[in-house]
């Protein structure tokens, strides 16, 4: 919301959250309204700049995130191998538990 034309005059309205919904709040139509419009435009530009900077930061951090995900997968695979070799199994895709009668199975082989 911003400038609205009513008949032959232009009026400035500012959006505002009131009781969970957006409501147009009348600002005016003179120099005060123009100052409020400039202030709102500057605030919007600042928010856009912050969003753009955050996007650049995310792009800069993305390769590190990919490397960390790869390292995480490798560590999980090594841990799984070590636990299985030690006689454990994963119960219901969650907890790791020691298999029962592991010694009896090994002696039976």
PDB file of N, CA and C in Angstrom:
ATOM      1  N   UNK A   1       0.845  -1.166   0.000  1.00  0.00           N
ATOM      2  CA  UNK A   1       0.000   0.000   0.000  1.00  0.00           C
ATOM      3  C   UNK A   1       0.892   1.231   0.000  1.00  0.00           C
ATOM      4  N   UNK A   2       0.385   2.265  -0.588  1.00  0.00           N
ATOM      5  CA  UNK A   2       1.156   3.501  -0.617  1.00  0.00           C
ATOM      6  C   UNK A   2       0.217   4.636  -1.000  1.00  0.00           C
ATOM      7  N   UNK A   3       0.588   5.297  -2.057  1.00  0.00           N
ATOM      8  CA  UNK A   3      -0.223   6.427  -2.508  1.00  0.00           C
ATOM      9  C   UNK A   3      -1.484   5.915  -3.180  1.00  0.00           C
ATOM     10  N   UNK A   4      -2.594   6.522  -2.819  1.00  0.00           N
ATOM     11  CA  UNK A   4      -3.871   6.187  -3.446  1.00  0.00           C
ATOM     12  C   UNK A   4      -4.519   7.468  -3.932  1.00  0.00           C
ATOM     13  N   UNK A   5      -5.113   7.343  -5.086  1.00  0.00           N
ATOM     14  CA  UNK A   5      -5.795   8.512  -5.643  1.00  0.00           C
ATOM     15  C   UNK A   5      -7.278   8.435  -5.292  1.00  0.00           C
ATOM     16  N   UNK A   6      -7.776   9.490  -4.672  1.00  0.00           N
ATOM     17  CA  UNK A   6      -9.194   9.612  -4.340  1.00  0.00           C
ATOM     18  C   UNK A   6      -9.681  10.889  -5.005  1.00  0.00           C
ATOM     19  N   UNK A   7     -10.508  10.719  -5.985  1.00  0.00           N
ATOM     20  CA  UNK A   7     -10.978  11.823  -6.836  1.00  0.00           C
ATOM     21  C   UNK A   7      -9.779  12.481  -7.498  1.00  0.00           C
ATOM     22  N   UNK A   8      -9.440  13.699  -7.145  1.00  0.00           N
ATOM     23  CA  UNK A   8      -8.320  14.365  -7.815  1.00  0.00           C
ATOM     24  C   UNK A   8      -7.088  14.486  -6.933  1.00  0.00           C
ATOM     25  N   UNK A   9      -7.133  13.967  -5.727  1.00  0.00           N
ATOM     26  CA  UNK A   9      -6.019  14.109  -4.793  1.00  0.00           C
ATOM     27  C   UNK A   9      -5.352  12.765  -4.502  1.00  0.00           C
ATOM     28  N   UNK A  10      -4.074  12.854  -4.158  1.00  0.00           N
ATOM     29  CA  UNK A  10      -3.320  11.669  -3.783  1.00  0.00           C
ATOM     30  C   UNK A  10      -3.129  11.656  -2.271  1.00  0.00           C
ATOM     31  N   UNK A  11      -3.339  10.476  -1.644  1.00  0.00           N
ATOM     32  CA  UNK A  11      -3.222  10.316  -0.200  1.00  0.00           C
ATOM     33  C   UNK A  11      -2.291   9.137   0.077  1.00  0.00           C
ATOM     34  N   UNK A  12      -1.518   9.267   1.133  1.00  0.00           N
ATOM     35  CA  UNK A  12      -0.582   8.198   1.484  1.00  0.00           C
ATOM     36  C   UNK A  12      -1.136   7.383   2.641  1.00  0.00           C
ATOM     37  N   UNK A  13      -1.134   6.058   2.463  1.00  0.00           N
ATOM     38  CA  UNK A  13      -1.568   5.120   3.485  1.00  0.00           C
ATOM     39  C   UNK A  13      -0.401   4.194   3.807  1.00  0.00           C
ATOM     40  N   UNK A  14      -0.288   3.831   5.060  1.00  0.00           N
ATOM     41  CA  UNK A  14       0.785   2.944   5.512  1.00  0.00           C
ATOM     42  C   UNK A  14       0.138   1.658   6.026  1.00  0.00           C
ATOM     43  N   UNK A  15       0.645   0.492   5.583  1.00  0.00           N
ATOM     44  CA  UNK A  15       0.079  -0.769   6.102  1.00  0.00           C
ATOM     45  C   UNK A  15       0.542  -1.002   7.539  1.00  0.00           C
ATOM     46  N   UNK A  16      -0.340  -1.550   8.353  1.00  0.00           N
ATOM     47  CA  UNK A  16      -0.001  -1.811   9.744  1.00  0.00           C
ATOM     48  C   UNK A  16      -0.779  -3.027  10.223  1.00  0.00           C
ATOM     49  N   UNK A  17      -0.110  -3.880  11.005  1.00  0.00           N
ATOM     50  CA  UNK A  17      -0.771  -5.048  11.568  1.00  0.00           C
ATOM     51  C   UNK A  17      -1.556  -4.621  12.799  1.00  0.00           C
ATOM     52  N   UNK A  18      -2.856  -4.872  12.777  1.00  0.00           N
ATOM     53  CA  UNK A  18      -3.713  -4.583  13.922  1.00  0.00           C
ATOM     54  C   UNK A  18      -4.601  -5.793  14.151  1.00  0.00           C
ATOM     55  N   UNK A  19      -4.485  -6.389  15.311  1.00  0.00           N
ATOM     56  CA  UNK A  19      -5.263  -7.560  15.701  1.00  0.00           C
ATOM     57  C   UNK A  19      -5.178  -8.683  14.679  1.00  0.00           C
ATOM     58  N   UNK A  20      -3.964  -8.957  14.208  1.00  0.00           N
ATOM     59  CA  UNK A  20      -3.734 -10.103  13.332  1.00  0.00           C
ATOM     60  C   UNK A  20      -4.058  -9.905  11.868  1.00  0.00           C
ATOM     61  N   UNK A  21      -4.318  -8.690  11.444  1.00  0.00           N
ATOM     62  CA  UNK A  21      -4.563  -8.468  10.018  1.00  0.00           C
ATOM     63  C   UNK A  21      -3.980  -7.120   9.609  1.00  0.00           C
ATOM     64  N   UNK A  22      -3.761  -6.970   8.315  1.00  0.00           N
ATOM     65  CA  UNK A  22      -3.175  -5.740   7.799  1.00  0.00           C
ATOM     66  C   UNK A  22      -4.282  -4.719   7.564  1.00  0.00           C
ATOM     67  N   UNK A  23      -4.050  -3.513   8.074  1.00  0.00           N
ATOM     68  CA  UNK A  23      -5.024  -2.430   7.952  1.00  0.00           C
ATOM     69  C   UNK A  23      -4.307  -1.218   7.367  1.00  0.00           C
ATOM     70  N   UNK A  24      -4.980  -0.484   6.489  1.00  0.00           N
ATOM     71  CA  UNK A  24      -4.414   0.755   5.953  1.00  0.00           C
ATOM     72  C   UNK A  24      -4.598   1.860   6.979  1.00  0.00           C
ATOM     73  N   UNK A  25      -3.483   2.515   7.303  1.00  0.00           N
ATOM     74  CA  UNK A  25      -3.531   3.624   8.251  1.00  0.00           C
ATOM     75  C   UNK A  25      -3.254   4.907   7.467  1.00  0.00           C
ATOM     76  N   UNK A  26      -4.143   5.841   7.577  1.00  0.00           N
ATOM     77  CA  UNK A  26      -4.027   7.095   6.847  1.00  0.00           C
ATOM     78  C   UNK A  26      -2.873   7.914   7.408  1.00  0.00           C
ATOM     79  N   UNK A  27      -1.987   8.385   6.498  1.00  0.00           N
ATOM     80  CA  UNK A  27      -0.859   9.229   6.904  1.00  0.00           C
ATOM     81  C   UNK A  27      -1.124  10.677   6.518  1.00  0.00           C
ATOM     82  N   UNK A  28      -1.551  10.903   5.304  1.00  0.00           N
ATOM     83  CA  UNK A  28      -1.837  12.271   4.892  1.00  0.00           C
ATOM     84  C   UNK A  28      -1.596  12.476   3.417  1.00  0.00           C
ATOM     85  N   UNK A  29      -1.446  13.784   3.036  1.00  0.00           N
ATOM     86  CA  UNK A  29      -1.226  14.055   1.624  1.00  0.00           C
ATOM     87  C   UNK A  29      -0.288  15.217   1.393  1.00  0.00           C
ATOM     88  N   UNK A  30       0.331  15.726   2.369  1.00  0.00           N
ATOM     89  CA  UNK A  30       1.228  16.861   2.192  1.00  0.00           C
ATOM     90  C   UNK A  30       2.683  16.451   2.367  1.00  0.00           C
ATOM     91  N   UNK A  31       3.500  17.378   2.828  1.00  0.00           N
ATOM     92  CA  UNK A  31       4.920  17.088   3.050  1.00  0.00           C
ATOM     93  C   UNK A  31       5.137  15.978   4.074  1.00  0.00           C
ATOM     94  N   UNK A  32       4.236  15.868   5.069  1.00  0.00           N
ATOM     95  CA  UNK A  32       4.364  14.789   6.050  1.00  0.00           C
ATOM     96  C   UNK A  32       4.208  13.425   5.383  1.00  0.00           C
ATOM     97  N   UNK A  33       3.269  13.342   4.468  1.00  0.00           N
ATOM     98  CA  UNK A  33       3.034  12.089   3.755  1.00  0.00           C
ATOM     99  C   UNK A  33       4.217  11.756   2.857  1.00  0.00           C
ATOM    100  N   UNK A  34       4.776  12.758   2.194  1.00  0.00           N
ATOM    101  CA  UNK A  34       5.939  12.510   1.343  1.00  0.00           C
ATOM    102  C   UNK A  34       7.132  12.047   2.173  1.00  0.00           C
ATOM    103  N   UNK A  35       7.331  12.635   3.356  1.00  0.00           N
ATOM    104  CA  UNK A  35       8.414  12.214   4.245  1.00  0.00           C
ATOM    105  C   UNK A  35       8.186  10.773   4.709  1.00  0.00           C
ATOM    106  N   UNK A  36       6.941  10.429   5.043  1.00  0.00           N
ATOM    107  CA  UNK A  36       6.618   9.066   5.464  1.00  0.00           C
ATOM    108  C   UNK A  36       6.853   8.079   4.330  1.00  0.00           C
ATOM    109  N   UNK A  37       6.519   8.488   3.096  1.00  0.00           N
ATOM    110  CA  UNK A  37       6.739   7.617   1.936  1.00  0.00           C
ATOM    111  C   UNK A  37       8.228   7.386   1.718  1.00  0.00           C
ATOM    112  N   UNK A  38       9.040   8.450   1.858  1.00  0.00           N
ATOM    113  CA  UNK A  38      10.494   8.292   1.715  1.00  0.00           C
ATOM    114  C   UNK A  38      11.051   7.378   2.804  1.00  0.00           C
ATOM    115  N   UNK A  39      10.546   7.553   4.025  1.00  0.00           N
ATOM    116  CA  UNK A  39      10.988   6.718   5.150  1.00  0.00           C
ATOM    117  C   UNK A  39      10.648   5.254   4.894  1.00  0.00           C
ATOM    118  N   UNK A  40       9.433   4.996   4.430  1.00  0.00           N
ATOM    119  CA  UNK A  40       9.021   3.621   4.133  1.00  0.00           C
ATOM    120  C   UNK A  40       9.858   3.028   2.999  1.00  0.00           C
ATOM    121  N   UNK A  41      10.142   3.826   1.977  1.00  0.00           N
ATOM    122  CA  UNK A  41      10.958   3.338   0.860  1.00  0.00           C
ATOM    123  C   UNK A  41      12.370   3.007   1.330  1.00  0.00           C
ATOM    124  N   UNK A  42      12.933   3.856   2.204  1.00  0.00           N
ATOM    125  CA  UNK A  42      14.272   3.595   2.730  1.00  0.00           C
ATOM    126  C   UNK A  42      14.272   2.312   3.565  1.00  0.00           C
ATOM    127  N   UNK A  43      13.227   2.111   4.364  1.00  0.00           N
ATOM    128  CA  UNK A  43      13.123   0.894   5.177  1.00  0.00           C
ATOM    129  C   UNK A  43      13.017  -0.350   4.298  1.00  0.00           C
ATOM    130  N   UNK A  44      12.225  -0.256   3.210  1.00  0.00           N
ATOM    131  CA  UNK A  44      12.099  -1.390   2.287  1.00  0.00           C
ATOM    132  C   UNK A  44      13.430  -1.682   1.611  1.00  0.00           C
ATOM    133  N   UNK A  45      14.148  -0.621   1.212  1.00  0.00           N
ATOM    134  CA  UNK A  45      15.452  -0.818   0.564  1.00  0.00           C
ATOM    135  C   UNK A  45      16.444  -1.456   1.525  1.00  0.00           C
ATOM    136  N   UNK A  46      16.414  -1.058   2.792  1.00  0.00           N
ATOM    137  CA  UNK A  46      17.315  -1.644   3.786  1.00  0.00           C
ATOM    138  C   UNK A  46      17.014  -3.127   3.990  1.00  0.00           C
ATOM    139  N   UNK A  47      15.717  -3.482   4.070  1.00  0.00           N
ATOM    140  CA  UNK A  47      15.341  -4.895   4.218  1.00  0.00           C
ATOM    141  C   UNK A  47      15.770  -5.698   3.004  1.00  0.00           C
ATOM    142  N   UNK A  48      15.608  -5.131   1.809  1.00  0.00           N
ATOM    143  CA  UNK A  48      16.017  -5.829   0.589  1.00  0.00           C
ATOM    144  C   UNK A  48      17.532  -6.044   0.574  1.00  0.00           C
ATOM    145  N   UNK A  49      18.287  -5.051   1.017  1.00  0.00           N
ATOM    146  CA  UNK A  49      19.745  -5.190   1.070  1.00  0.00           C
ATOM    147  C   UNK A  49      20.146  -6.279   2.061  1.00  0.00           C
ATOM    148  N   UNK A  50      19.460  -6.335   3.224  1.00  0.00           N
ATOM    149  CA  UNK A  50      19.765  -7.382   4.202  1.00  0.00           C
ATOM    150  C   UNK A  50      19.440  -8.766   3.649  1.00  0.00           C
ATOM    151  N   UNK A  51      18.307  -8.878   2.932  1.00  0.00           N
ATOM    152  CA  UNK A  51      17.948 -10.168   2.329  1.00  0.00           C
ATOM    153  C   UNK A  51      18.988 -10.590   1.309  1.00  0.00           C
ATOM    154  N   UNK A  52      19.452  -9.630   0.488  1.00  0.00           N
ATOM    155  CA  UNK A  52      20.447  -9.945  -0.530  1.00  0.00           C
ATOM    156  C   UNK A  52      21.766 -10.355   0.121  1.00  0.00           C
ATOM    157  N   UNK A  53      22.171  -9.672   1.189  1.00  0.00           N
ATOM    158  CA  UNK A  53      23.407 -10.034   1.886  1.00  0.00           C
ATOM    159  C   UNK A  53      23.298 -11.432   2.490  1.00  0.00           C
ATOM    160  N   UNK A  54      22.136 -11.757   3.035  1.00  0.00           N
ATOM    161  CA  UNK A  54      21.935 -13.095   3.598  1.00  0.00           C
ATOM    162  C   UNK A  54      21.999 -14.156   2.510  1.00  0.00           C
ATOM    163  N   UNK A  55      21.458 -13.861   1.333  1.00  0.00           N
ATOM    164  CA  UNK A  55      21.518 -14.810   0.223  1.00  0.00           C
ATOM    165  C   UNK A  55      22.962 -15.030  -0.219  1.00  0.00           C
ATOM    166  N   UNK A  56      23.744 -13.967  -0.249  1.00  0.00           N
ATOM    167  CA  UNK A  56      25.160 -14.093  -0.628  1.00  0.00           C
ATOM    168  C   UNK A  56      25.891 -14.942   0.407  1.00  0.00           C
ATOM    169  N   UNK A  57      25.600 -14.726   1.689  1.00  0.00           N
ATOM    170  CA  UNK A  57      26.226 -15.525   2.740  1.00  0.00           C
ATOM    171  C   UNK A  57      25.867 -16.996   2.597  1.00  0.00           C
ATOM    172  N   UNK A  58      24.590 -17.285   2.305  1.00  0.00           N
ATOM    173  CA  UNK A  58      24.182 -18.684   2.126  1.00  0.00           C
ATOM    174  C   UNK A  58      24.927 -19.316   0.959  1.00  0.00           C
ATOM    175  N   UNK A  59      25.082 -18.578  -0.147  1.00  0.00           N
ATOM    176  CA  UNK A  59      25.808 -19.120  -1.298  1.00  0.00           C
ATOM    177  C   UNK A  59      27.274 -19.353  -0.964  1.00  0.00           C
ATOM    178  N   UNK A  60      27.840 -18.477  -0.145  1.00  0.00           N
ATOM    179  CA  UNK A  60      29.240 -18.612   0.238  1.00  0.00           C
ATOM    180  C   UNK A  60      29.440 -19.824   1.149  1.00  0.00           C
ATOM    181  N   UNK A  61      28.442 -20.116   2.000  1.00  0.00           N
ATOM    182  CA  UNK A  61      28.546 -21.222   2.939  1.00  0.00           C
ATOM    183  C   UNK A  61      28.121 -22.557   2.352  1.00  0.00           C
ATOM    184  N   UNK A  62      27.496 -22.554   1.197  1.00  0.00           N
ATOM    185  CA  UNK A  62      26.972 -23.776   0.605  1.00  0.00           C
ATOM    186  C   UNK A  62      28.039 -24.840   0.361  1.00  0.00           C
ATOM    187  N   UNK A  63      29.207 -24.505  -0.221  1.00  0.00           N
ATOM    188  CA  UNK A  63      30.219 -25.545  -0.419  1.00  0.00           C
ATOM    189  C   UNK A  63      30.670 -26.188   0.897  1.00  0.00           C
ATOM    190  N   UNK A  64      30.792 -25.407   1.961  1.00  0.00           N
ATOM    191  CA  UNK A  64      31.182 -25.962   3.253  1.00  0.00           C
ATOM    192  C   UNK A  64      30.100 -26.909   3.768  1.00  0.00           C
ATOM    193  N   UNK A  65      28.855 -26.559   3.535  1.00  0.00           N
ATOM    194  CA  UNK A  65      27.755 -27.435   3.952  1.00  0.00           C
ATOM    195  C   UNK A  65      27.776 -28.751   3.201  1.00  0.00           C
ATOM    196  N   UNK A  66      28.094 -28.708   1.906  1.00  0.00           N
ATOM    197  CA  UNK A  66      28.191 -29.933   1.116  1.00  0.00           C
ATOM    198  C   UNK A  66      29.321 -30.818   1.638  1.00  0.00           C
ATOM    199  N   UNK A  67      30.461 -30.199   1.960  1.00  0.00           N
ATOM    200  CA  UNK A  67      31.588 -30.964   2.489  1.00  0.00           C
ATOM    201  C   UNK A  67      31.243 -31.581   3.845  1.00  0.00           C
ATOM    202  N   UNK A  68      30.552 -30.820   4.685  1.00  0.00           N
ATOM    203  CA  UNK A  68      30.163 -31.349   5.993  1.00  0.00           C
ATOM    204  C   UNK A  68      29.180 -32.508   5.846  1.00  0.00           C
ATOM    205  N   UNK A  69      28.264 -32.416   4.893  1.00  0.00           N
ATOM    206  CA  UNK A  69      27.310 -33.507   4.668  1.00  0.00           C
ATOM    207  C   UNK A  69      28.036 -34.759   4.191  1.00  0.00           C
ATOM    208  N   UNK A  70      29.006 -34.580   3.314  1.00  0.00           N
ATOM    209  CA  UNK A  70      29.793 -35.722   2.829  1.00  0.00           C
ATOM    210  C   UNK A  70      30.583 -36.349   3.978  1.00  0.00           C
ATOM    211  N   UNK A  71      31.221 -35.526   4.811  1.00  0.00           N
ATOM    212  CA  UNK A  71      31.967 -36.026   5.965  1.00  0.00           C
ATOM    213  C   UNK A  71      31.033 -36.760   6.921  1.00  0.00           C
ATOM    214  N   UNK A  72      29.844 -36.210   7.159  1.00  0.00           N
ATOM    215  CA  UNK A  72      28.866 -36.843   8.036  1.00  0.00           C
ATOM    216  C   UNK A  72      28.478 -38.221   7.516  1.00  0.00           C
ATOM    217  N   UNK A  73      28.232 -38.333   6.225  1.00  0.00           N
ATOM    218  CA  UNK A  73      27.871 -39.628   5.640  1.00  0.00           C
ATOM    219  C   UNK A  73      29.005 -40.641   5.787  1.00  0.00           C
ATOM    220  N   UNK A  74      30.244 -40.196   5.581  1.00  0.00           N
ATOM    221  CA  UNK A  74      31.386 -41.105   5.708  1.00  0.00           C
ATOM    222  C   UNK A  74      31.562 -41.569   7.148  1.00  0.00           C
ATOM    223  N   UNK A  75      31.417 -40.655   8.101  1.00  0.00           N
ATOM    224  CA  UNK A  75      31.542 -41.020   9.517  1.00  0.00           C
ATOM    225  C   UNK A  75      30.445 -41.993   9.912  1.00  0.00           C
ATOM    226  N   UNK A  76      29.224 -41.767   9.455  1.00  0.00           N
ATOM    227  CA  UNK A  76      28.121 -42.681   9.769  1.00  0.00           C
ATOM    228  C   UNK A  76      28.385 -44.073   9.199  1.00  0.00           C
ATOM    229  N   UNK A  77      28.927 -44.136   7.977  1.00  0.00           N
ATOM    230  CA  UNK A  77      29.236 -45.431   7.372  1.00  0.00           C
ATOM    231  C   UNK A  77      30.323 -46.155   8.174  1.00  0.00           C
ATOM    232  N   UNK A  78      31.356 -45.430   8.599  1.00  0.00           N
ATOM    233  CA  UNK A  78      32.423 -46.040   9.395  1.00  0.00           C
ATOM    234  C   UNK A  78      31.885 -46.512  10.745  1.00  0.00           C
ATOM    235  N   UNK A  79      31.032 -45.712  11.371  1.00  0.00           N
ATOM    236  CA  UNK A  79      30.446 -46.083  12.657  1.00  0.00           C
ATOM    237  C   UNK A  79      29.577 -47.321  12.513  1.00  0.00           C
ATOM    238  N   UNK A  80      28.771 -47.362  11.467  1.00  0.00           N
ATOM    239  CA  UNK A  80      27.916 -48.530  11.220  1.00  0.00           C
ATOM    240  C   UNK A  80      28.769 -49.788  11.051  1.00  0.00           C
ATOM    241  N   UNK A  81      29.837 -49.675  10.289  1.00  0.00           N
ATOM    242  CA  UNK A  81      30.723 -50.823  10.069  1.00  0.00           C
ATOM    243  C   UNK A  81      31.344 -51.289  11.378  1.00  0.00           C
ATOM    244  N   UNK A  82      31.805 -50.353  12.199  1.00  0.00           N
ATOM    245  CA  UNK A  82      32.430 -50.707  13.472  1.00  0.00           C
ATOM    246  C   UNK A  82      31.425 -51.362  14.414  1.00  0.00           C
ATOM    247  N   UNK A  83      30.214 -50.838  14.467  1.00  0.00           N
ATOM    248  CA  UNK A  83      29.211 -51.404  15.363  1.00  0.00           C
ATOM    249  C   UNK A  83      28.776 -52.794  14.922  1.00  0.00           C
ATOM    250  N   UNK A  84      28.601 -53.007  13.631  1.00  0.00           N
ATOM    251  CA  UNK A  84      28.220 -54.327  13.125  1.00  0.00           C
ATOM    252  C   UNK A  84      29.337 -55.322  13.411  1.00  0.00           C
ATOM    253  N   UNK A  85      30.585 -54.893  13.223  1.00  0.00           N
ATOM    254  CA  UNK A  85      31.727 -55.773  13.492  1.00  0.00           C
ATOM    255  C   UNK A  85      31.819 -56.116  14.981  1.00  0.00           C
ATOM    256  N   UNK A  86      31.354 -55.230  15.845  1.00  0.00           N
ATOM    257  CA  UNK A  86      31.404 -55.461  17.286  1.00  0.00           C
ATOM    258  C   UNK A  86      30.200 -56.270  17.773  1.00  0.00           C
ATOM    259  N   UNK A  87      29.298 -56.653  16.866  1.00  0.00           N
ATOM    260  CA  UNK A  87      28.182 -57.496  17.241  1.00  0.00           C
ATOM    261  C   UNK A  87      26.894 -56.750  17.557  1.00  0.00           C
ATOM    262  N   UNK A  88      26.748 -55.550  17.071  1.00  0.00           N
ATOM    263  CA  UNK A  88      25.536 -54.773  17.308  1.00  0.00           C
ATOM    264  C   UNK A  88      24.650 -54.795  16.069  1.00  0.00           C
ATOM    265  N   UNK A  89      23.375 -54.486  16.245  1.00  0.00           N
ATOM    266  CA  UNK A  89      22.448 -54.307  15.131  1.00  0.00           C
ATOM    267  C   UNK A  89      21.585 -53.088  15.438  1.00  0.00           C
ATOM    268  N   UNK A  90      20.990 -52.534  14.404  1.00  0.00           N
ATOM    269  CA  UNK A  90      20.167 -51.346  14.588  1.00  0.00           C
ATOM    270  C   UNK A  90      18.719 -51.788  14.710  1.00  0.00           C
ATOM    271  N   UNK A  91      18.144 -51.508  15.875  1.00  0.00           N
ATOM    272  CA  UNK A  91      16.781 -51.928  16.158  1.00  0.00           C
ATOM    273  C   UNK A  91      15.800 -50.907  15.607  1.00  0.00           C
ATOM    274  N   UNK A  92      14.914 -51.329  14.718  1.00  0.00           N
ATOM    275  CA  UNK A  92      13.843 -50.494  14.158  1.00  0.00           C
ATOM    276  C   UNK A  92      14.387 -49.166  13.620  1.00  0.00           C
ATOM    277  N   UNK A  93      15.490 -49.207  12.923  1.00  0.00           N
ATOM    278  CA  UNK A  93      16.148 -48.035  12.320  1.00  0.00           C
ATOM    279  C   UNK A  93      16.449 -46.946  13.346  1.00  0.00           C
ATOM    280  N   UNK A  94      16.661 -47.324  14.578  1.00  0.00           N
ATOM    281  CA  UNK A  94      16.902 -46.336  15.625  1.00  0.00           C
ATOM    282  C   UNK A  94      18.093 -46.712  16.482  1.00  0.00           C
ATOM    283  N   UNK A  95      17.815 -47.300  17.653  1.00  0.00           N
ATOM    284  CA  UNK A  95      18.863 -47.629  18.606  1.00  0.00           C
ATOM    285  C   UNK A  95      19.756 -48.745  18.097  1.00  0.00           C
ATOM    286  N   UNK A  96      21.000 -48.689  18.548  1.00  0.00           N
ATOM    287  CA  UNK A  96      21.928 -49.788  18.290  1.00  0.00           C
ATOM    288  C   UNK A  96      21.901 -50.687  19.510  1.00  0.00           C
ATOM    289  N   UNK A  97      21.724 -51.995  19.288  1.00  0.00           N
ATOM    290  CA  UNK A  97      21.670 -52.953  20.391  1.00  0.00           C
ATOM    291  C   UNK A  97      22.621 -54.109  20.097  1.00  0.00           C
ATOM    292  N   UNK A  98      23.165 -54.650  21.192  1.00  0.00           N
ATOM    293  CA  UNK A  98      24.052 -55.815  21.048  1.00  0.00           C
ATOM    294  C   UNK A  98      23.183 -57.031  20.726  1.00  0.00           C
ATOM    295  N   UNK A  99      23.638 -57.818  19.772  1.00  0.00           N
ATOM    296  CA  UNK A  99      22.894 -59.025  19.418  1.00  0.00           C
ATOM    297  C   UNK A  99      22.967 -60.029  20.562  1.00  0.00           C
ATOM    298  N   UNK A 100      21.886 -60.764  20.730  1.00  0.00           N
ATOM    299  CA  UNK A 100      21.877 -61.803  21.752  1.00  0.00           C
ATOM    300  C   UNK A 100      22.665 -63.013  21.272  1.00  0.00           C
ATOM    301  N   UNK A 101      23.249 -63.682  22.182  1.00  0.00           N
ATOM    302  CA  UNK A 101      23.943 -64.944  21.909  1.00  0.00           C
ATOM    303  C   UNK A 101      25.013 -64.790  20.833  1.00  0.00           C
ATOM    304  N   UNK A 102      25.726 -63.709  20.849  1.00  0.00           N
ATOM    305  CA  UNK A 102      26.784 -63.498  19.847  1.00  0.00           C
ATOM    306  C   UNK A 102      27.881 -64.520  20.035  1.00  0.00           C
ATOM    307  N   UNK A 103      28.265 -64.817  21.271  1.00  0.00           N
ATOM    308  CA  UNK A 103      29.353 -65.762  21.529  1.00  0.00           C
ATOM    309  C   UNK A 103      28.952 -67.169  21.107  1.00  0.00           C
ATOM    310  N   UNK A 104      27.692 -67.530  21.339  1.00  0.00           N
ATOM    311  CA  UNK A 104      27.228 -68.860  20.938  1.00  0.00           C
ATOM    312  C   UNK A 104      27.268 -69.016  19.440  1.00  0.00           C
ATOM    313  N   UNK A 105      26.905 -67.997  18.694  1.00  0.00           N
ATOM    314  CA  UNK A 105      26.941 -68.064  17.225  1.00  0.00           C
ATOM    315  C   UNK A 105      28.365 -68.165  16.724  1.00  0.00           C
ATOM    316  N   UNK A 106      29.284 -67.411  17.356  1.00  0.00           N
ATOM    317  CA  UNK A 106      30.671 -67.447  16.906  1.00  0.00           C
ATOM    318  C   UNK A 106      31.298 -68.816  17.175  1.00  0.00           C
ATOM    319  N   UNK A 107      30.990 -69.452  18.283  1.00  0.00           N
ATOM    320  CA  UNK A 107      31.562 -70.755  18.592  1.00  0.00           C
ATOM    321  C   UNK A 107      30.935 -71.859  17.730  1.00  0.00           C
ATOM    322  N   UNK A 108      29.702 -71.637  17.283  1.00  0.00           N
ATOM    323  CA  UNK A 108      29.023 -72.623  16.446  1.00  0.00           C
ATOM    324  C   UNK A 108      29.597 -72.645  15.038  1.00  0.00           C
ATOM    325  N   UNK A 109      30.222 -71.593  14.609  1.00  0.00           N
ATOM    326  CA  UNK A 109      30.759 -71.528  13.231  1.00  0.00           C
ATOM    327  C   UNK A 109      31.961 -72.342  13.078  1.00  0.00           C
TER     328      UNK A 109
END
